[in-house]
C-alpha atoms as a PDB file:
ATOM      1  CA  GLU A   1       0.000   0.000   0.000  1.00  0.00           C
ATOM      2  CA  TRP A   2       1.181   3.530  -0.854  1.00  0.00           C
ATOM      3  CA  ARG A   3       0.157   6.573   1.142  1.00  0.00           C
ATOM      4  CA  GLU A   4       0.652  10.275   0.456  1.00  0.00           C
ATOM      5  CA  THR A   5       0.373  12.783   3.271  1.00  0.00           C
ATOM      6  CA  GLU A   6      -1.610  15.303   1.238  1.00  0.00           C
ATOM      7  CA  GLY A   7      -5.117  13.920   0.916  1.00  0.00           C
ATOM      8  CA  MET A   8      -4.134  10.417   2.072  1.00  0.00           C
ATOM      9  CA  ARG A   9      -4.022   8.884  -1.377  1.00  0.00           C
ATOM     10  CA  ARG A  10      -4.275   5.139  -0.963  1.00  0.00           C
ATOM     11  CA  LEU A  11      -2.883   2.789  -3.588  1.00  0.00           C
ATOM     12  CA  SER A  12      -2.711  -1.003  -3.203  1.00  0.00           C
ATOM     13  CA  ARG A  13      -1.555  -3.904  -5.291  1.00  0.00           C
ATOM     14  CA  VAL A  14      -0.996  -7.635  -4.716  1.00  0.00           C
ATOM     15  CA  HIS A  15       1.946  -9.496  -6.269  1.00  0.00           C
ATOM     16  CA  ARG A  16       2.599 -13.208  -6.478  1.00  0.00           C
ATOM     17  CA  LEU A  17       6.284 -14.090  -6.621  1.00  0.00           C
ATOM     18  CA  SER A  18       7.994 -17.261  -7.793  1.00  0.00           C
ATOM     19  CA  PRO A  19      10.564 -18.969  -5.507  1.00  0.00           C
ATOM     20  CA  ASP A  20      13.365 -17.136  -7.342  1.00  0.00           C
ATOM     21  CA  GLY A  21      11.723 -13.743  -6.796  1.00  0.00           C
ATOM     22  CA  ARG A  22      10.167 -13.188 -10.216  1.00  0.00           C
ATOM     23  CA  VAL A  23       6.715 -11.588 -10.363  1.00  0.00           C
ATOM     24  CA  LYS A  24       4.251 -14.196 -11.654  1.00  0.00           C
ATOM     25  CA  TRP A  25       1.305 -11.816 -11.660  1.00  0.00           C
ATOM     26  CA  ALA A  26       0.026  -8.604 -10.107  1.00  0.00           C
ATOM     27  CA  PHE A  27      -3.483  -7.544  -9.193  1.00  0.00           C
ATOM     28  CA  PRO A  28      -4.806  -5.251 -10.537  1.00  0.00           C
ATOM     29  CA  ALA A  29      -2.881  -6.126 -13.692  1.00  0.00           C
ATOM     30  CA  ASP A  30      -2.715  -2.571 -15.070  1.00  0.00           C
ATOM     31  CA  GLY A  31      -1.578  -0.820 -11.881  1.00  0.00           C
ATOM     32  CA  PRO A  32      -2.453  -0.268  -8.221  1.00  0.00           C
ATOM     33  CA  ALA A  33      -6.029   0.215  -7.079  1.00  0.00           C
ATOM     34  CA  ALA A  34      -7.009   3.557  -5.546  1.00  0.00           C
ATOM     35  CA  MET A  35      -7.907   1.989  -2.211  1.00  0.00           C
ATOM     36  CA  THR A  36      -6.556  -0.068   0.689  1.00  0.00           C
ATOM     37  CA  PHE A  37      -6.243  -3.822   0.404  1.00  0.00           C
ATOM     38  CA  LEU A  38      -6.535  -4.344   4.116  1.00  0.00           C
ATOM     39  CA  TYR A  39      -5.578  -7.983   4.495  1.00  0.00           C
ATOM     40  CA  LEU A  40      -5.385 -11.164   2.434  1.00  0.00           C
ATOM     41  CA  ASP A  41      -4.901 -14.892   2.795  1.00  0.00           C
ATOM     42  CA  ALA A  42      -4.375 -17.886   0.519  1.00  0.00           C
ATOM     43  CA  ASP A  43      -4.195 -21.650   0.783  1.00  0.00           C
ATOM     44  CA  PRO A  44      -0.670 -23.152   0.981  1.00  0.00           C
ATOM     45  CA  THR A  45      -0.539 -23.949  -2.753  1.00  0.00           C
ATOM     46  CA  GLY A  46      -1.873 -20.536  -3.752  1.00  0.00           C
ATOM     47  CA  ARG A  47      -4.932 -21.965  -5.481  1.00  0.00           C
ATOM     48  CA  ARG A  48      -7.233 -19.223  -4.160  1.00  0.00           C
ATOM     49  CA  VAL A  49      -6.479 -15.757  -2.815  1.00  0.00           C
ATOM     50  CA  ALA A  50      -8.992 -13.834  -0.693  1.00  0.00           C
ATOM     51  CA  ILE A  51      -8.575 -10.073  -0.195  1.00  0.00           C
ATOM     52  CA  LEU A  52     -10.508  -7.728   2.095  1.00  0.00           C
ATOM     53  CA  THR A  53     -10.918  -4.250   0.599  1.00  0.00           C
ATOM     54  CA  GLY A  54     -10.734  -1.185   2.813  1.00  0.00           C
ATOM     55  CA  GLU A  55     -11.067   2.553   2.402  1.00  0.00           C
ATOM     56  CA  GLU A  56     -10.941   4.245  -0.990  1.00  0.00           C
ATOM     57  CA  THR A  57      -8.855   7.280  -1.843  1.00  0.00           C
ATOM     58  CA  SER A  58     -10.905  10.412  -1.267  1.00  0.00           C
ATOM     59  CA  GLY A  59     -12.131  11.817  -4.561  1.00  0.00           C
ATOM     60  CA  LEU A  60     -10.577   8.995  -6.584  1.00  0.00           C
ATOM     61  CA  ALA A  61     -12.726   5.889  -7.061  1.00  0.00           C
ATOM     62  CA  PRO A  62     -11.021   2.557  -7.822  1.00  0.00           C
ATOM     63  CA  ASP A  63     -11.590   0.996 -11.216  1.00  0.00           C
ATOM     64  CA  PRO A  64     -14.824  -1.022 -11.390  1.00  0.00           C
ATOM     65  CA  PRO A  65     -15.848  -3.412 -10.047  1.00  0.00           C
ATOM     66  CA  LEU A  66     -13.576  -2.879  -7.034  1.00  0.00           C
ATOM     67  CA  GLN A  67     -15.062  -1.079  -4.057  1.00  0.00           C
ATOM     68  CA  SER A  68     -14.586  -0.964  -0.306  1.00  0.00           C
ATOM     69  CA  GLY A  69     -16.189  -3.351   2.156  1.00  0.00           C
ATOM     70  CA  ALA A  70     -15.852  -6.405  -0.076  1.00  0.00           C
ATOM     71  CA  LEU A  71     -14.236  -9.821  -0.352  1.00  0.00           C
ATOM     72  CA  CYS A  72     -12.231 -10.107  -3.555  1.00  0.00           C
ATOM     73  CA  VAL A  73     -11.472 -13.678  -4.682  1.00  0.00           C
ATOM     74  CA  LEU A  74      -8.594 -14.320  -7.108  1.00  0.00           C
ATOM     75  CA  ASP A  75      -7.441 -17.320  -9.101  1.00  0.00           C
ATOM     76  CA  GLY A  76      -4.073 -17.896  -7.466  1.00  0.00           C
ATOM     77  CA  ALA A  77      -2.508 -19.291 -10.642  1.00  0.00           C
ATOM     78  CA  THR A  78      -3.299 -16.306 -12.877  1.00  0.00           C
ATOM     79  CA  GLY A  79      -4.254 -13.417 -10.582  1.00  0.00           C
ATOM     80  CA  ARG A  80      -7.596 -13.109 -12.367  1.00  0.00           C
ATOM     81  CA  MET A  81     -10.482 -11.882 -10.227  1.00  0.00           C
ATOM     82  CA  LEU A  82     -13.156 -14.574  -9.886  1.00  0.00           C
ATOM     83  CA  ASP A  83     -15.622 -12.703  -7.715  1.00  0.00           C
ATOM     84  CA  LEU A  84     -16.200  -9.563  -5.686  1.00  0.00           C
ATOM     85  CA  HIS A  85     -18.649 -10.151  -2.856  1.00  0.00           C
ATOM     86  CA  ILE A  86     -19.877  -6.843  -1.442  1.00  0.00           C
ATOM     87  CA  PHE A  87     -21.024  -6.893   2.176  1.00  0.00           C
ATOM     88  CA  GLU A  88     -23.913  -4.516   2.851  1.00  0.00           C
ATOM     89  CA  PRO A  89     -23.620  -2.251   5.920  1.00  0.00           C
ATOM     90  CA  LEU A  90     -25.633  -3.350   8.938  1.00  0.00           C
ATOM     91  CA  ARG A  91     -27.885  -0.295   9.075  1.00  0.00           C
ATOM     92  CA  PRO A  92     -28.959   1.679  11.028  1.00  0.00           C
ATOM     93  CA  TYR A  93     -26.083   0.868  13.398  1.00  0.00           C
ATOM     94  CA  PHE A  94     -23.240   0.997  10.860  1.00  0.00           C
ATOM     95  CA  ASP A  95     -22.993   3.088   7.704  1.00  0.00           C
ATOM     96  CA  ARG A  96     -20.103   1.126   6.185  1.00  0.00           C
ATOM     97  CA  VAL A  97     -18.355  -2.240   6.336  1.00  0.00           C
ATOM     98  CA  LEU A  98     -14.975  -2.475   8.064  1.00  0.00           C
ATOM     99  CA  PHE A  99     -12.539  -5.348   8.556  1.00  0.00           C
ATOM    100  CA  TRP A 100      -9.353  -6.088  10.437  1.00  0.00           C
ATOM    101  CA  GLN A 101      -7.148  -9.186   9.940  1.00  0.00           C
ATOM    102  CA  SER A 102     -10.320 -11.211   9.639  1.00  0.00           C
ATOM    103  CA  VAL A 103     -10.013 -13.469   6.595  1.00  0.00           C
ATOM    104  CA  SER A 104      -8.680 -17.031   6.533  1.00  0.00           C
ATOM    105  CA  VAL A 105      -8.565 -19.431   3.574  1.00  0.00           C
ATOM    106  CA  GLY A 106      -8.763 -23.174   4.201  1.00  0.00           C
ATOM    107  CA  HIS A 107      -5.949 -25.609   3.454  1.00  0.00           C
ATOM    108  CA  ASP A 108      -7.617 -26.852   0.246  1.00  0.00           C
ATOM    109  CA  GLY A 109      -8.628 -23.403  -0.968  1.00  0.00           C
ATOM    110  CA  ARG A 110     -12.334 -24.257  -0.927  1.00  0.00           C
ATOM    111  CA  ARG A 111     -13.554 -22.112   1.972  1.00  0.00           C
ATOM    112  CA  ALA A 112     -12.831 -18.802   3.623  1.00  0.00           C
ATOM    113  CA  ALA A 113     -13.870 -17.432   7.019  1.00  0.00           C
ATOM    114  CA  ILE A 114     -14.546 -13.695   7.304  1.00  0.00           C
ATOM    115  CA  GLY A 115     -15.331 -11.437  10.267  1.00  0.00           C
ATOM    116  CA  LEU A 116     -16.764  -7.900  10.171  1.00  0.00           C
ATOM    117  CA  HIS A 117     -16.427  -5.067  12.679  1.00  0.00           C
ATOM    118  CA  ASP A 118     -20.203  -4.987  13.075  1.00  0.00           C
ATOM    119  CA  GLY A 119     -20.076  -8.427  14.728  1.00  0.00           C
ATOM    120  CA  ARG A 120     -21.207 -10.574  11.804  1.00  0.00           C
ATOM    121  CA  SER A 121     -19.161 -13.567  10.605  1.00  0.00           C
ATOM    122  CA  PHE A 122     -19.337 -15.612   7.402  1.00  0.00           C
ATOM    123  CA  ILE A 123     -18.124 -18.832   5.812  1.00  0.00           C
ATOM    124  CA  PHE A 124     -17.617 -18.226   2.096  1.00  0.00           C
ATOM    125  CA  ASP A 125     -17.616 -21.021  -0.467  1.00  0.00           C
ATOM    126  CA  LEU A 126     -14.704 -20.294  -2.806  1.00  0.00           C
ATOM    127  CA  GLU A 127     -15.915 -22.918  -5.308  1.00  0.00           C
ATOM    128  CA  ASP A 128     -19.477 -21.637  -5.696  1.00  0.00           C
ATOM    129  CA  LEU A 129     -18.364 -18.046  -4.948  1.00  0.00           C
ATOM    130  CA  ALA A 130     -21.184 -17.546  -2.475  1.00  0.00           C
ATOM    131  CA  VAL A 131     -21.850 -17.211   1.246  1.00  0.00           C
ATOM    132  CA  ALA A 132     -22.311 -20.717   2.679  1.00  0.00           C
ATOM    133  CA  HIS A 133     -23.129 -19.724   6.276  1.00  0.00           C
ATOM    134  CA  ALA A 134     -23.735 -16.426   8.081  1.00  0.00           C
ATOM    135  CA  PHE A 135     -23.538 -15.803  11.837  1.00  0.00           C
ATOM    136  CA  ASP A 136     -24.525 -12.864  14.045  1.00  0.00           C
ATOM    137  CA  PHE A 137     -22.217 -13.717  16.952  1.00  0.00           C
ATOM    138  CA  GLY A 138     -21.433 -10.110  17.860  1.00  0.00           C
ATOM    139  CA  ALA A 139     -24.133  -8.250  15.920  1.00  0.00           C
ATOM    140  CA  PRO A 140     -25.847  -5.410  17.822  1.00  0.00           C
ATOM    141  CA  ILE A 141     -28.448  -6.157  20.467  1.00  0.00           C
ATOM    142  CA  ARG A 142     -30.200  -3.612  22.680  1.00  0.00           C
ATOM    143  CA  ILE A 143     -29.293  -3.326  26.349  1.00  0.00           C
ATOM    144  CA  GLY A 144     -31.297  -0.699  28.207  1.00  0.00           C
ATOM    145  CA  GLY A 145     -32.368   0.710  24.853  1.00  0.00           C
ATOM    146  CA  ILE A 146     -28.756   1.170  23.679  1.00  0.00           C
ATOM    147  CA  PRO A 147     -27.355  -0.997  20.833  1.00  0.00           C
ATOM    148  CA  VAL A 148     -24.259  -2.960  21.881  1.00  0.00           C
ATOM    149  CA  SER A 149     -22.036  -4.923  19.497  1.00  0.00           C
ATOM    150  CA  ALA A 150     -18.847  -7.017  19.632  1.00  0.00           C
ATOM    151  CA  GLY A 151     -16.657  -6.866  16.544  1.00  0.00           C
ATOM    152  CA  ALA A 152     -15.370 -10.009  14.817  1.00  0.00           C
ATOM    153  CA  THR A 153     -11.699  -9.347  14.109  1.00  0.00           C
ATOM    154  CA  TYR A 154      -9.909 -12.709  13.689  1.00  0.00           C
ATOM    155  CA  THR A 155     -10.834 -15.961  11.960  1.00  0.00           C
ATOM    156  CA  LYS A 156      -9.205 -19.285  11.150  1.00  0.00           C
ATOM    157  CA  VAL A 157     -10.130 -22.212   8.898  1.00  0.00           C
ATOM    158  CA  ALA A 158      -8.403 -25.181  10.539  1.00  0.00           C
ATOM    159  CA  PRO A 159      -7.080 -28.207   8.591  1.00  0.00           C
ATOM    160  CA  VAL A 160     -10.015 -30.321   9.834  1.00  0.00           C
ATOM    161  CA  SER A 161     -12.492 -27.842   8.271  1.00  0.00           C
ATOM    162  CA  VAL A 162     -13.469 -26.347  11.627  1.00  0.00           C
ATOM    163  CA  CYS A 163     -13.763 -22.556  11.452  1.00  0.00           C
ATOM    164  CA  TYR A 164     -12.802 -20.458  14.475  1.00  0.00           C
ATOM    165  CA  PHE A 165     -14.326 -17.020  14.973  1.00  0.00           C
ATOM    166  CA  GLN A 166     -13.502 -14.444  17.617  1.00  0.00           C
ATOM    167  CA  THR A 167     -15.674 -11.673  19.046  1.00  0.00           C
ATOM    168  CA  GLY A 168     -13.989  -8.773  20.811  1.00  0.00           C
ATOM    169  CA  ASN A 169     -14.914  -6.219  23.443  1.00  0.00           C
ATOM    170  CA  SER A 170     -18.401  -4.768  23.768  1.00  0.00           C
ATOM    171  CA  SER A 171     -18.925  -1.366  22.196  1.00  0.00           C
ATOM    172  CA  VAL A 172     -21.650   1.012  21.068  1.00  0.00           C
ATOM    173  CA  PRO A 173     -21.904   1.231  17.258  1.00  0.00           C
ATOM    174  CA  SER A 174     -20.705   4.577  15.944  1.00  0.00           C
ATOM    175  CA  GLY A 175     -24.100   5.518  14.512  1.00  0.00           C
ATOM    176  CA  ALA A 176     -25.890   4.844  17.786  1.00  0.00           C
ATOM    177  CA  ALA A 177     -23.152   6.565  19.814  1.00  0.00           C
ATOM    178  CA  ALA A 178     -23.591   9.795  17.857  1.00  0.00           C
ATOM    179  CA  GLU A 179     -27.382   9.634  17.910  1.00  0.00           C
ATOM    180  CA  GLN A 180     -27.860   8.672  21.549  1.00  0.00           C
ATOM    181  CA  ARG A 181     -24.689  10.245  22.946  1.00  0.00           C
ATOM    182  CA  ALA A 182     -23.652   6.947  24.475  1.00  0.00           C
ATOM    183  CA  VAL A 183     -19.901   6.689  25.004  1.00  0.00           C
ATOM    184  CA  ALA A 184     -19.844   3.264  26.662  1.00  0.00           C
ATOM    185  CA  PRO A 185     -22.130   0.220  26.542  1.00  0.00           C
ATOM    186  CA  PRO A 186     -24.551  -0.060  29.479  1.00  0.00           C
ATOM    187  CA  GLY A 187     -23.639  -3.748  29.732  1.00  0.00           C
ATOM    188  CA  PRO A 188     -21.563  -6.425  27.996  1.00  0.00           C
ATOM    189  CA  HIS A 189     -22.719  -8.077  24.804  1.00  0.00           C
ATOM    190  CA  PRO A 190     -23.656 -11.685  25.751  1.00  0.00           C
ATOM    191  CA  ARG A 191     -21.245 -13.113  23.158  1.00  0.00           C
ATOM    192  CA  ALA A 192     -18.420 -10.602  23.512  1.00  0.00           C
ATOM    193  CA  ASN A 193     -14.868 -11.843  24.128  1.00  0.00           C
ATOM    194  CA  ALA A 194     -15.648 -15.368  22.989  1.00  0.00           C
ATOM    195  CA  ILE A 195     -14.285 -18.090  20.716  1.00  0.00           C
ATOM    196  CA  HIS A 196     -16.847 -19.771  18.470  1.00  0.00           C
ATOM    197  CA  ALA A 197     -15.879 -23.096  16.830  1.00  0.00           C
ATOM    198  CA  VAL A 198     -18.063 -23.936  13.828  1.00  0.00           C
ATOM    199  CA  GLY A 199     -18.194 -27.276  11.997  1.00  0.00           C
ATOM    200  CA  PRO A 200     -18.355 -27.875   8.218  1.00  0.00           C
ATOM    201  CA  ASP A 201     -22.160 -27.934   8.365  1.00  0.00           C
ATOM    202  CA  GLY A 202     -22.307 -24.453   9.884  1.00  0.00           C
ATOM    203  CA  GLN A 203     -23.278 -25.654  13.371  1.00  0.00           C
ATOM    204  CA  VAL A 204     -21.517 -24.271  16.432  1.00  0.00           C
ATOM    205  CA  LEU A 205     -19.482 -27.094  17.980  1.00  0.00           C
ATOM    206  CA  TRP A 206     -18.335 -25.294  21.107  1.00  0.00           C
ATOM    207  CA  ARG A 207     -17.657 -21.880  22.612  1.00  0.00           C
ATOM    208  CA  PHE A 208     -15.162 -20.605  25.136  1.00  0.00           C
ATOM    209  CA  ARG A 209     -15.101 -17.512  27.360  1.00  0.00           C
ATOM    210  CA  SER A 210     -12.684 -16.597  30.118  1.00  0.00           C
ATOM    211  CA  GLY A 211     -13.010 -12.816  30.262  1.00  0.00           C
ATOM    212  CA  HIS A 212     -10.063 -12.321  27.893  1.00  0.00           C
ATOM    213  CA  HIS A 213      -9.893 -10.729  24.480  1.00  0.00           C
ATOM    214  CA  TYR A 214      -8.726 -13.442  22.062  1.00  0.00           C
ATOM    215  CA  GLN A 215      -6.455 -12.321  19.259  1.00  0.00           C
ATOM    216  CA  ASN A 216      -5.839 -14.581  16.268  1.00  0.00           C
ATOM    217  CA  PHE A 217      -5.612 -18.365  15.959  1.00  0.00           C
ATOM    218  CA  TRP A 218      -2.917 -20.891  15.024  1.00  0.00           C
ATOM    219  CA  THR A 219      -3.359 -24.635  14.608  1.00  0.00           C
ATOM    220  CA  SER A 220      -1.157 -27.699  14.278  1.00  0.00           C
ATOM    221  CA  ALA A 221      -1.021 -29.428  10.885  1.00  0.00           C
ATOM    222  CA  ASP A 222      -3.587 -32.041  11.924  1.00  0.00           C
ATOM    223  CA  GLY A 223      -5.885 -29.448  13.504  1.00  0.00           C
ATOM    224  CA  ARG A 224      -5.704 -31.020  16.953  1.00  0.00           C
ATOM    225  CA  TRP A 225      -3.955 -28.169  18.770  1.00  0.00           C
ATOM    226  CA  MET A 226      -5.277 -24.619  18.607  1.00  0.00           C
ATOM    227  CA  LEU A 227      -3.399 -21.644  20.047  1.00  0.00           C
ATOM    228  CA  THR A 228      -4.747 -18.146  20.625  1.00  0.00           C
ATOM    229  CA  SER A 229      -3.157 -14.999  22.041  1.00  0.00           C
ATOM    230  CA  VAL A 230      -5.134 -13.437  24.917  1.00  0.00           C
ATOM    231  CA  GLN A 231      -5.199 -10.357  27.112  1.00  0.00           C
ATOM    232  CA  LYS A 232      -7.399  -8.425  29.478  1.00  0.00           C
ATOM    233  CA  HIS A 233      -7.470  -4.680  29.883  1.00  0.00           C
ATOM    234  CA  ALA A 234      -4.234  -3.746  31.650  1.00  0.00           C
ATOM    235  CA  SER A 235      -5.765  -1.272  34.102  1.00  0.00           C
ATOM    236  CA  GLU A 236      -8.130  -3.970  35.386  1.00  0.00           C
ATOM    237  CA  THR A 237      -5.711  -6.864  35.685  1.00  0.00           C
ATOM    238  CA  ALA A 238      -2.199  -5.380  35.730  1.00  0.00           C
ATOM    239  CA  GLY A 239      -1.398  -7.370  32.632  1.00  0.00           C
ATOM    240  CA  ASP A 240      -3.350 -10.625  32.495  1.00  0.00           C
ATOM    241  CA  SER A 241      -1.949 -11.614  29.109  1.00  0.00           C
ATOM    242  CA  GLY A 242      -0.405 -14.571  27.327  1.00  0.00           C
ATOM    243  CA  ALA A 243      -1.574 -17.458  25.155  1.00  0.00           C
ATOM    244  CA  MET A 244      -4.046 -20.302  25.586  1.00  0.00           C
ATOM    245  CA  LEU A 245      -3.770 -23.808  24.133  1.00  0.00           C
ATOM    246  CA  PHE A 246      -6.721 -26.075  23.307  1.00  0.00           C
ATOM    247  CA  ASP A 247      -6.849 -29.785  22.541  1.00  0.00           C
ATOM    248  CA  THR A 248      -9.729 -29.860  20.067  1.00  0.00           C
ATOM    249  CA  ARG A 249      -9.960 -33.672  20.102  1.00  0.00           C
ATOM    250  CA  ARG A 250     -11.346 -33.619  23.599  1.00  0.00           C
ATOM    251  CA  THR A 251     -15.105 -33.858  23.937  1.00  0.00           C
ATOM    252  CA  GLY A 252     -17.411 -31.376  25.608  1.00  0.00           C
ATOM    253  CA  GLY A 253     -17.442 -27.601  25.564  1.00  0.00           C
ATOM    254  CA  GLY A 254     -14.646 -25.078  25.286  1.00  0.00           C
ATOM    255  CA  SER A 255     -13.658 -25.387  28.943  1.00  0.00           C
ATOM    256  CA  ASP A 256     -13.167 -29.144  28.469  1.00  0.00           C
ATOM    257  CA  ARG A 257     -10.827 -28.547  25.520  1.00  0.00           C
ATOM    258  CA  PHE A 258      -8.787 -25.813  27.210  1.00  0.00           C
ATOM    259  CA  VAL A 259      -5.521 -27.337  28.457  1.00  0.00           C
ATOM    260  CA  TYR A 260      -2.922 -24.639  29.178  1.00  0.00           C
ATOM    261  CA  TYR A 261      -2.507 -20.906  29.802  1.00  0.00           C
ATOM    262  CA  TYR A 262       0.973 -19.438  29.466  1.00  0.00           C
ATOM    263  CA  GLN A 263       1.129 -15.948  30.971  1.00  0.00           C
ATOM    264  CA  THR A 264       3.518 -13.160  30.010  1.00  0.00           C
ATOM    265  CA  GLU A 265       4.451 -10.172  32.146  1.00  0.00           C
ATOM    266  CA  GLY A 266       3.925  -7.787  29.236  1.00  0.00           C
ATOM    267  CA  LEU A 267       1.236  -7.834  26.588  1.00  0.00           C
ATOM    268  CA  SER A 268       0.899 -10.775  24.239  1.00  0.00           C
ATOM    269  CA  LEU A 269      -0.166  -9.371  20.884  1.00  0.00           C
ATOM    270  CA  PHE A 270      -1.748 -11.001  17.837  1.00  0.00           C
ATOM    271  CA  GLN A 271       1.463 -12.577  16.488  1.00  0.00           C
ATOM    272  CA  ALA A 272       2.422 -16.101  17.536  1.00  0.00           C
ATOM    273  CA  GLY A 273       3.029 -19.515  16.007  1.00  0.00           C
ATOM    274  CA  ILE A 274       2.768 -23.247  16.593  1.00  0.00           C
ATOM    275  CA  CYS A 275       4.882 -26.118  15.242  1.00  0.00           C
ATOM    276  CA  PRO A 276       3.180 -28.360  12.669  1.00  0.00           C
ATOM    277  CA  ASP A 277       3.181 -31.256  15.152  1.00  0.00           C
ATOM    278  CA  GLY A 278       2.027 -29.039  18.033  1.00  0.00           C
ATOM    279  CA  SER A 279       5.158 -29.714  20.082  1.00  0.00           C
ATOM    280  CA  ALA A 280       6.130 -26.060  20.609  1.00  0.00           C
ATOM    281  CA  VAL A 281       4.646 -22.579  20.384  1.00  0.00           C
ATOM    282  CA  ALA A 282       6.177 -19.112  19.972  1.00  0.00           C
ATOM    283  CA  ILE A 283       4.588 -16.100  21.701  1.00  0.00           C
ATOM    284  CA  VAL A 284       5.524 -12.454  21.164  1.00  0.00           C
ATOM    285  CA  GLU A 285       5.579 -10.187  24.226  1.00  0.00           C
ATOM    286  CA  THR A 286       5.727  -6.373  24.256  1.00  0.00           C
ATOM    287  CA  PRO A 287       5.965  -3.991  27.252  1.00  0.00           C
ATOM    288  CA  PHE A 288       3.186  -1.613  28.266  1.00  0.00           C
ATOM    289  CA  GLN A 289       2.666   1.290  30.631  1.00  0.00           C
ATOM    290  CA  ASN A 290       0.989  -0.088  33.740  1.00  0.00           C
ATOM    291  CA  ASN A 291      -0.818   2.918  35.171  1.00  0.00           C
ATOM    292  CA  ASP A 292      -1.817   1.074  38.353  1.00  0.00           C
ATOM    293  CA  ARG A 293       1.798   0.295  39.236  1.00  0.00           C
ATOM    294  CA  ARG A 294       3.171   3.439  37.568  1.00  0.00           C
ATOM    295  CA  ARG A 295       5.862   1.621  35.662  1.00  0.00           C
ATOM    296  CA  VAL A 296       6.611  -0.060  32.380  1.00  0.00           C
ATOM    297  CA  GLN A 297       5.795  -3.748  32.655  1.00  0.00           C
ATOM    298  CA  GLY A 298       7.150  -6.559  30.478  1.00  0.00           C
ATOM    299  CA  ASP A 299       9.757  -6.591  27.714  1.00  0.00           C
ATOM    300  CA  TYR A 300      10.264  -7.058  23.988  1.00  0.00           C
ATOM    301  CA  GLN A 301      10.878 -10.783  23.713  1.00  0.00           C
ATOM    302  CA  VAL A 302       9.759 -14.048  22.134  1.00  0.00           C
ATOM    303  CA  HIS A 303       8.788 -16.989  24.343  1.00  0.00           C
ATOM    304  CA  ILE A 304       9.335 -20.521  23.052  1.00  0.00           C
ATOM    305  CA  VAL A 305       7.194 -22.973  25.025  1.00  0.00           C
ATOM    306  CA  ARG A 306       7.491 -26.723  24.538  1.00  0.00           C
END
């Protein structure tokens, strides 16, 4: 992505490189798009590429059919666009569609999991180029007359075709906040700060909540082990942060599958990793300003846990 300070001109382009560094294709083929390509993912062989489109350059529309708030699906071999699925805003609470790092393509390139800031989540069929399942995990509900939502910001299609979705902290949608002058939710969204595991048929297999905000997912090659980075608000917990490991072959709910919590003194952010056989994990820690203790807590370091 390119950015210019005057007018914030956004230009984005995706390149596929060969092992020796040659450009195999670029998308768009004739030059960068006048918008942000927020995040993308592909299957290991590059059969399908899924791109989330973000904000457009002010006063400069991207070439049709590209537009913001969409899932753009490419043929990974040629870079040709196969489909552009446009997500409609969830009015009246949201006037546009926003994403974060919330797209994941399955190992075989047949499915993608997508999360939206308005709390909705989707499983997209990359063969039929259509939504296979839709979920309202964190979509707005009214508490005391005030709409409260929980954004979906991370997803993962595991090797065993289980899709993991995350819902974040409770918040008041921007439209409702301006209209009703509500700066904070009157209560938590009932599915905020939760992990939702969904099977191939679109049914929820299990959920997990521990009061943490879950950030991203990583799985072993066989899908048995699932790792997620977690944290609570620092001022409330003086840094309750780290990573949680789940054995998904166990039966029961999320609490039955939860096996280990590794805590860090600093904050554990949304970058981590797990070995293909699940024998070790890597967790990234960063320091933060602990206002309760009036000091910097934690350090810049990587934890390797076996």
